[in-house]
Amino acid sequence: MIFSPQKEGRIPDALPLVSVIIPSFNHAKFIRECIESVLSQDYAAIEIIVVDDGSLDGTLEILSSFGLAIRLLQQKGGRQARARNLALGVARGEFIAFLDSDDRYLPGRISSAVAAFHASPNVDVIWADFRLVNERGQVIAERRWRPTGADFSLELISGNPICNATVTVRRHVLDDIGGFDERVPRACDGAAWYQIAARGRRFIHLDRLTVDYRIHGENDSGRFVPMAQERDIALTAGAKAYLECQVIKTPQDMLWLRNVLVKQFSFHAAAAVQRALPKGLRAIVQARLLDGLGSPAGLWSFDMLRKLKHVFLRRDTL
């Protein structure tokens, strides 16, 4: 029998509490399945904190139907970073897990993460694999990560492979970085992982499918231009943290980081230009953009690099 610690009013002494944070906005058609996927987990010590961002589609009525099984907070216009920080302010868990209101946990999502922490007490962040599903919940594909043998902190900043909903993190680790960066509400998860990795925290990948990530026409991540801009801000802050915390030490490391920034900034700028063009021109423009990173669409990228020059120059003497 699965019981809700919120309903019972107590937490089992033998199990560490996991706080699951769910930002919510106008996902009435998904939110019930989302929350039920947490309530049906085979782990007893879970608290569910939902932060609704001013939904107008009936989401609040559905959330209210769960009663004391969830803790409902409300904000308006704060988006995901602020919602997560608001939830962190009241969360009681030793561990923090995440879920978006249009996604769902797979069975064993929480218990497998807690077991991994128990087996590896020096681990700070656990993340796992996930499935892509369509609006009706039908599986489209699986996303499984395979280690390359490289330092994960470097692999992370060169192309973040982490799906936020698969992450379970020790609460104090998030406190150490000041929570989520509200300048980048869409990219706040990646921004947090960069900051955590820069401080030498240990990440472990769990080779298990734990989440269904839903693809539909209203995904926040599908708003490419603002998402790309926020990712670049997060990447810039991450690069500075890697330098300040000496994850990047040698001239060879510096060269590698420059190449990473050029590739990511140029890709985002080029893709934003391509997306803004009429559909009939996209194939032609795409071919030209792929000719090289020095294309006109990449100029904005190099302007970003120039803004970082003072940071890089003071490290060039290493």
Protein backbone atom coordinates (compact mmCIF):
# COMPACT_ATOMS: atom_id res chain seq x y z
CA MET A 1 0.00 0.00 0.00
CA ILE A 2 1.28 3.46 -0.95
CA PHE A 3 0.48 6.26 1.42
CA SER A 4 0.89 10.01 1.05
CA PRO A 5 2.95 11.58 3.85
CA GLN A 6 0.96 14.78 3.41
CA LYS A 7 -2.29 12.96 4.16
CA GLU A 8 -0.85 11.00 7.06
CA GLY A 9 0.82 14.10 8.50
CA ARG A 10 4.14 12.36 9.18
CA ILE A 11 7.25 11.10 7.43
CA PRO A 12 8.62 7.59 8.01
CA ASP A 13 11.74 7.84 10.16
CA ALA A 14 13.69 5.27 8.13
CA LEU A 15 13.32 7.01 4.76
CA PRO A 16 14.75 10.36 3.66
CA LEU A 17 12.08 12.76 2.45
CA VAL A 18 12.09 13.64 -1.26
CA SER A 19 10.45 16.94 -2.24
CA VAL A 20 9.07 16.84 -5.80
CA ILE A 21 8.71 20.34 -7.27
CA ILE A 22 6.20 20.84 -10.11
CA PRO A 23 5.82 24.26 -11.80
CA SER A 24 2.41 24.49 -13.48
CA PHE A 25 0.83 26.72 -16.10
CA ASN A 26 -2.26 25.98 -18.22
CA HIS A 27 -1.71 22.22 -18.43
CA ALA A 28 -5.18 21.08 -17.39
CA LYS A 29 -5.12 18.22 -19.88
CA PHE A 30 -1.87 16.82 -18.45
CA ILE A 31 -1.66 17.86 -14.79
CA ARG A 32 -3.75 15.05 -13.28
CA GLU A 33 -1.66 12.35 -14.96
CA CYS A 34 1.49 14.21 -13.91
CA ILE A 35 0.60 14.27 -10.21
CA GLU A 36 -0.81 10.76 -10.18
CA SER A 37 2.50 9.50 -11.58
CA VAL A 38 4.16 10.85 -8.42
CA LEU A 39 1.51 9.61 -6.02
CA SER A 40 1.80 6.10 -7.48
CA GLN A 41 5.55 5.85 -6.84
CA ASP A 42 6.73 2.89 -4.74
CA TYR A 43 8.41 5.21 -2.24
CA ALA A 44 6.54 6.46 0.78
CA ALA A 45 8.40 9.61 1.88
CA ILE A 46 7.45 12.07 -0.84
CA GLU A 47 6.04 15.58 -0.58
CA ILE A 48 4.62 17.17 -3.72
CA ILE A 49 4.89 20.93 -4.08
CA VAL A 50 3.03 22.44 -7.05
CA VAL A 51 3.58 26.10 -7.95
CA ASP A 52 0.90 27.39 -10.32
CA ASP A 53 1.78 30.45 -12.38
CA GLY A 54 -1.70 31.89 -12.90
CA SER A 55 -3.39 29.13 -14.90
CA LEU A 56 -6.74 30.03 -16.47
CA ASP A 57 -7.70 26.72 -18.11
CA GLY A 58 -9.10 24.74 -15.18
CA THR A 59 -5.72 23.61 -13.87
CA LEU A 60 -6.41 25.06 -10.41
CA GLU A 61 -9.66 23.12 -10.07
CA ILE A 62 -7.85 19.88 -10.87
CA LEU A 63 -5.08 20.71 -8.42
CA SER A 64 -7.60 21.48 -5.69
CA SER A 65 -9.13 18.04 -6.16
CA PHE A 66 -5.96 16.46 -4.76
CA GLY A 67 -6.53 18.11 -1.38
CA LEU A 68 -3.76 17.47 1.15
CA ALA A 69 -1.96 15.07 -1.17
CA ILE A 70 -0.12 18.09 -2.59
CA ARG A 71 1.03 21.47 -1.32
CA LEU A 72 -0.22 24.15 -3.70
CA LEU A 73 1.54 27.51 -4.01
CA GLN A 74 0.59 30.27 -6.43
CA GLN A 75 2.41 33.03 -8.25
CA LYS A 76 1.70 35.07 -11.36
CA GLY A 77 4.12 35.61 -14.22
CA GLY A 78 7.15 34.27 -12.36
CA ARG A 79 7.87 31.36 -14.73
CA GLN A 80 9.81 28.22 -13.87
CA ALA A 81 12.94 29.53 -12.13
CA ARG A 82 10.98 31.61 -9.65
CA ALA A 83 8.47 28.79 -9.16
CA ARG A 84 11.25 26.38 -8.25
CA ASN A 85 12.82 28.88 -5.88
CA LEU A 86 9.44 29.52 -4.25
CA ALA A 87 9.00 25.78 -3.74
CA LEU A 88 12.53 25.42 -2.37
CA GLY A 89 11.63 27.98 0.26
CA VAL A 90 9.07 25.63 1.80
CA ALA A 91 10.49 22.22 0.82
CA ARG A 92 11.35 19.93 3.73
CA GLY A 93 13.13 17.19 1.80
CA GLU A 94 16.72 16.10 2.12
CA PHE A 95 16.51 15.44 -1.61
CA ILE A 96 14.86 17.57 -4.30
CA ALA A 97 13.37 16.13 -7.49
CA PHE A 98 11.68 17.91 -10.38
CA LEU A 99 8.81 17.36 -12.79
CA ASP A 100 7.07 19.62 -15.30
CA SER A 101 3.28 19.62 -15.31
CA ASP A 102 3.01 18.10 -18.80
CA ASP A 103 5.39 15.20 -18.08
CA ARG A 104 5.12 12.08 -15.92
CA TYR A 105 7.28 9.83 -13.80
CA LEU A 106 7.77 6.18 -14.68
CA PRO A 107 7.42 3.54 -11.93
CA GLY A 108 10.41 3.40 -9.59
CA ARG A 109 11.63 6.89 -10.50
CA ILE A 110 12.10 8.06 -6.89
CA SER A 111 13.06 4.80 -5.19
CA SER A 112 15.81 4.09 -7.73
CA ALA A 113 17.36 7.53 -7.14
CA VAL A 114 17.26 7.20 -3.34
CA ALA A 115 18.79 3.71 -3.60
CA ALA A 116 21.59 5.14 -5.73
CA PHE A 117 22.28 7.85 -3.14
CA HIS A 118 22.34 5.22 -0.42
CA ALA A 119 24.82 3.12 -2.39
CA SER A 120 27.02 6.16 -3.16
CA PRO A 121 26.86 8.58 -0.20
CA ASN A 122 29.43 10.93 -1.75
CA VAL A 123 27.20 11.61 -4.77
CA ASP A 124 25.48 15.01 -5.01
CA VAL A 125 23.34 14.80 -8.15
CA ILE A 126 21.72 11.78 -9.81
CA TRP A 127 20.18 11.94 -13.27
CA ALA A 128 18.82 9.29 -15.59
CA ASP A 129 17.43 8.41 -19.02
CA PHE A 130 13.99 9.27 -20.34
CA ARG A 131 11.43 8.63 -23.05
CA LEU A 132 9.86 11.06 -25.49
CA VAL A 133 6.08 10.72 -25.72
CA ASN A 134 3.51 12.54 -27.83
CA GLU A 135 0.52 14.54 -26.61
CA ARG A 136 -1.49 11.32 -26.14
CA GLY A 137 1.30 9.74 -24.08
CA GLN A 138 2.45 7.33 -26.79
CA VAL A 139 6.19 6.60 -26.80
CA ILE A 140 8.09 8.20 -29.68
CA ALA A 141 11.69 7.43 -28.73
CA GLU A 142 14.10 6.71 -25.90
CA ARG A 143 16.96 8.96 -24.89
CA ARG A 144 19.76 6.95 -23.31
CA TRP A 145 23.10 8.52 -22.43
CA ARG A 146 26.32 6.59 -22.83
CA PRO A 147 29.48 7.81 -21.06
CA THR A 148 32.39 8.85 -23.24
CA GLY A 149 35.05 8.54 -20.55
CA ALA A 150 35.63 12.31 -20.50
CA ASP A 151 35.41 14.42 -17.36
CA PHE A 152 31.65 14.88 -16.96
CA SER A 153 31.93 18.55 -15.98
CA LEU A 154 33.51 19.21 -19.38
CA GLU A 155 31.01 17.04 -21.21
CA LEU A 156 28.19 18.87 -19.45
CA ILE A 157 29.17 22.35 -20.61
CA SER A 158 29.94 21.16 -24.14
CA GLY A 159 26.35 19.93 -24.59
CA ASN A 160 24.09 19.44 -21.56
CA PRO A 161 22.63 15.89 -21.79
CA ILE A 162 20.51 16.13 -18.62
CA CYS A 163 16.71 16.06 -18.67
CA ASN A 164 15.61 18.10 -15.66
CA ALA A 165 12.78 15.76 -14.64
CA THR A 166 15.25 12.88 -14.17
CA VAL A 167 17.35 14.83 -11.64
CA THR A 168 17.42 14.21 -7.90
CA VAL A 169 19.79 16.49 -5.99
CA ARG A 170 20.78 16.98 -2.37
CA ARG A 171 19.01 20.04 -1.01
CA HIS A 172 22.15 21.67 0.39
CA VAL A 173 23.79 21.54 -3.05
CA LEU A 174 21.07 23.80 -4.47
CA ASP A 175 21.35 26.07 -1.43
CA ASP A 176 25.09 26.43 -2.07
CA ILE A 177 24.47 27.99 -5.52
CA GLY A 178 21.61 30.19 -4.34
CA GLY A 179 18.86 28.21 -6.06
CA PHE A 180 17.83 28.78 -9.68
CA ASP A 181 18.87 31.76 -11.80
CA GLU A 182 15.69 33.78 -12.43
CA ARG A 183 17.32 35.64 -15.33
CA VAL A 184 16.95 32.47 -17.40
CA PRO A 185 13.57 30.93 -16.50
CA ARG A 186 13.54 28.51 -19.46
CA ALA A 187 17.19 27.48 -19.09
CA CYS A 188 17.46 27.61 -15.31
CA ASP A 189 18.04 23.89 -14.95
CA GLY A 190 21.11 23.79 -17.22
CA ALA A 191 22.39 26.97 -15.57
CA ALA A 192 22.16 25.26 -12.17
CA TRP A 193 23.97 22.12 -13.31
CA TYR A 194 26.88 24.23 -14.67
CA GLN A 195 27.21 26.04 -11.34
CA ILE A 196 27.05 22.80 -9.37
CA ALA A 197 29.62 21.08 -11.60
CA ALA A 198 31.97 24.08 -11.37
CA ARG A 199 32.06 23.60 -7.60
CA GLY A 200 33.28 20.03 -7.96
CA ARG A 201 30.05 18.31 -7.00
CA ARG A 202 29.72 14.71 -8.13
CA PHE A 203 27.14 13.71 -10.75
CA ILE A 204 26.08 10.10 -11.31
CA HIS A 205 24.05 8.83 -14.25
CA LEU A 206 21.44 6.17 -13.52
CA ASP A 207 21.13 3.78 -16.46
CA ARG A 208 17.36 3.60 -16.28
CA LEU A 209 14.35 5.17 -17.99
CA THR A 210 12.64 7.24 -15.31
CA VAL A 211 10.54 9.92 -17.03
CA ASP A 212 8.20 10.47 -19.96
CA TYR A 213 8.97 13.85 -21.51
CA ARG A 214 5.95 14.99 -23.49
CA ILE A 215 6.35 16.68 -26.88
CA HIS A 216 3.43 18.87 -27.92
CA GLY A 217 2.76 22.22 -29.51
CA GLU A 218 2.92 24.19 -26.28
CA ASN A 219 6.34 23.13 -24.91
CA ASP A 220 8.16 26.09 -23.39
CA SER A 221 11.42 24.67 -24.75
CA GLY A 222 9.94 24.89 -28.25
CA ARG A 223 10.06 28.71 -28.14
CA PHE A 224 13.42 28.61 -29.78
CA VAL A 225 14.62 32.21 -29.90
CA PRO A 226 14.11 33.09 -26.19
CA MET A 227 15.27 29.61 -25.20
CA ALA A 228 18.48 29.99 -27.22
CA GLN A 229 19.14 33.43 -25.74
CA GLU A 230 18.69 32.14 -22.21
CA ARG A 231 20.91 29.13 -22.86
CA ASP A 232 23.67 31.46 -24.01
CA ILE A 233 23.36 33.52 -20.81
CA ALA A 234 23.49 30.31 -18.77
CA LEU A 235 26.47 29.07 -20.77
CA THR A 236 28.33 32.36 -20.28
CA ALA A 237 27.76 32.24 -16.52
CA GLY A 238 28.80 28.60 -16.50
CA ALA A 239 32.03 29.35 -18.37
CA LYS A 240 32.89 32.08 -15.87
CA ALA A 241 32.22 29.69 -12.97
CA TYR A 242 34.44 27.04 -14.58
CA LEU A 243 37.22 29.61 -14.79
CA GLU A 244 36.77 31.00 -11.29
CA CYS A 245 36.60 27.53 -9.72
CA GLN A 246 39.57 26.37 -11.83
CA VAL A 247 37.82 23.57 -13.64
CA ILE A 248 39.56 25.18 -16.60
CA LYS A 249 43.25 25.48 -15.72
CA THR A 250 45.65 25.05 -18.63
CA PRO A 251 46.05 26.84 -21.98
CA GLN A 252 44.78 23.64 -23.62
CA ASP A 253 41.68 23.81 -21.45
CA MET A 254 41.21 27.43 -22.45
CA LEU A 255 41.38 26.59 -26.13
CA TRP A 256 38.87 23.79 -25.65
CA LEU A 257 36.46 26.11 -23.82
CA ARG A 258 36.74 28.75 -26.54
CA ASN A 259 35.82 26.16 -29.14
CA VAL A 260 32.84 25.02 -27.08
CA LEU A 261 31.55 28.58 -26.75
CA VAL A 262 32.04 29.35 -30.44
CA LYS A 263 30.16 26.24 -31.51
CA GLN A 264 27.25 26.70 -29.14
CA PHE A 265 26.84 30.45 -29.60
CA SER A 266 27.13 30.13 -33.38
CA PHE A 267 24.62 27.31 -33.54
CA HIS A 268 22.06 29.23 -31.51
CA ALA A 269 22.49 32.40 -33.55
CA ALA A 270 22.37 30.58 -36.89
CA ALA A 271 19.34 28.55 -35.91
CA ALA A 272 17.50 31.64 -34.68
CA VAL A 273 18.08 33.36 -38.03
CA GLN A 274 16.98 30.28 -39.91
CA ARG A 275 13.82 29.93 -37.87
CA ALA A 276 12.86 33.54 -38.51
CA LEU A 277 13.01 33.17 -42.30
CA PRO A 278 10.09 32.14 -44.51
CA LYS A 279 9.81 28.38 -44.85
CA GLY A 280 10.61 28.41 -48.57
CA LEU A 281 14.08 29.83 -47.93
CA ARG A 282 15.09 27.57 -45.09
CA ALA A 283 16.75 24.85 -47.12
CA ILE A 284 18.95 27.36 -48.96
CA VAL A 285 19.84 29.25 -45.81
CA GLN A 286 20.57 26.05 -43.91
CA ALA A 287 23.08 24.95 -46.52
CA ARG A 288 24.86 28.30 -46.32
CA LEU A 289 24.88 28.37 -42.53
CA LEU A 290 26.51 24.97 -42.42
CA ASP A 291 29.42 26.24 -44.53
CA GLY A 292 31.19 27.41 -41.40
CA LEU A 293 31.01 29.15 -38.09
CA GLY A 294 32.17 32.39 -39.70
CA SER A 295 28.86 32.91 -41.49
CA PRO A 296 27.06 36.25 -41.00
CA ALA A 297 24.65 34.50 -38.65
CA GLY A 298 27.59 33.76 -36.39
CA LEU A 299 28.65 37.38 -35.91
CA TRP A 300 26.46 37.76 -32.84
CA SER A 301 28.26 34.75 -31.37
CA PHE A 302 31.64 36.36 -31.68
CA ASP A 303 30.31 39.57 -30.17
CA MET A 304 29.36 37.47 -27.14
CA LEU A 305 32.89 36.08 -27.07
CA ARG A 306 34.35 39.57 -27.11
CA LYS A 307 32.32 40.38 -24.00
CA LEU A 308 34.08 37.48 -22.30
CA LYS A 309 37.54 38.58 -23.45
CA HIS A 310 38.54 40.19 -20.17
CA VAL A 311 37.81 36.94 -18.37
CA PHE A 312 39.83 34.87 -20.80
CA LEU A 313 42.79 37.24 -21.03
CA ARG A 314 43.52 37.14 -17.33
CA ARG A 315 43.70 33.34 -17.53
CA ASP A 316 45.95 33.25 -20.61
CA THR A 317 49.06 33.69 -18.51
CA LEU A 318 48.69 30.23 -16.96
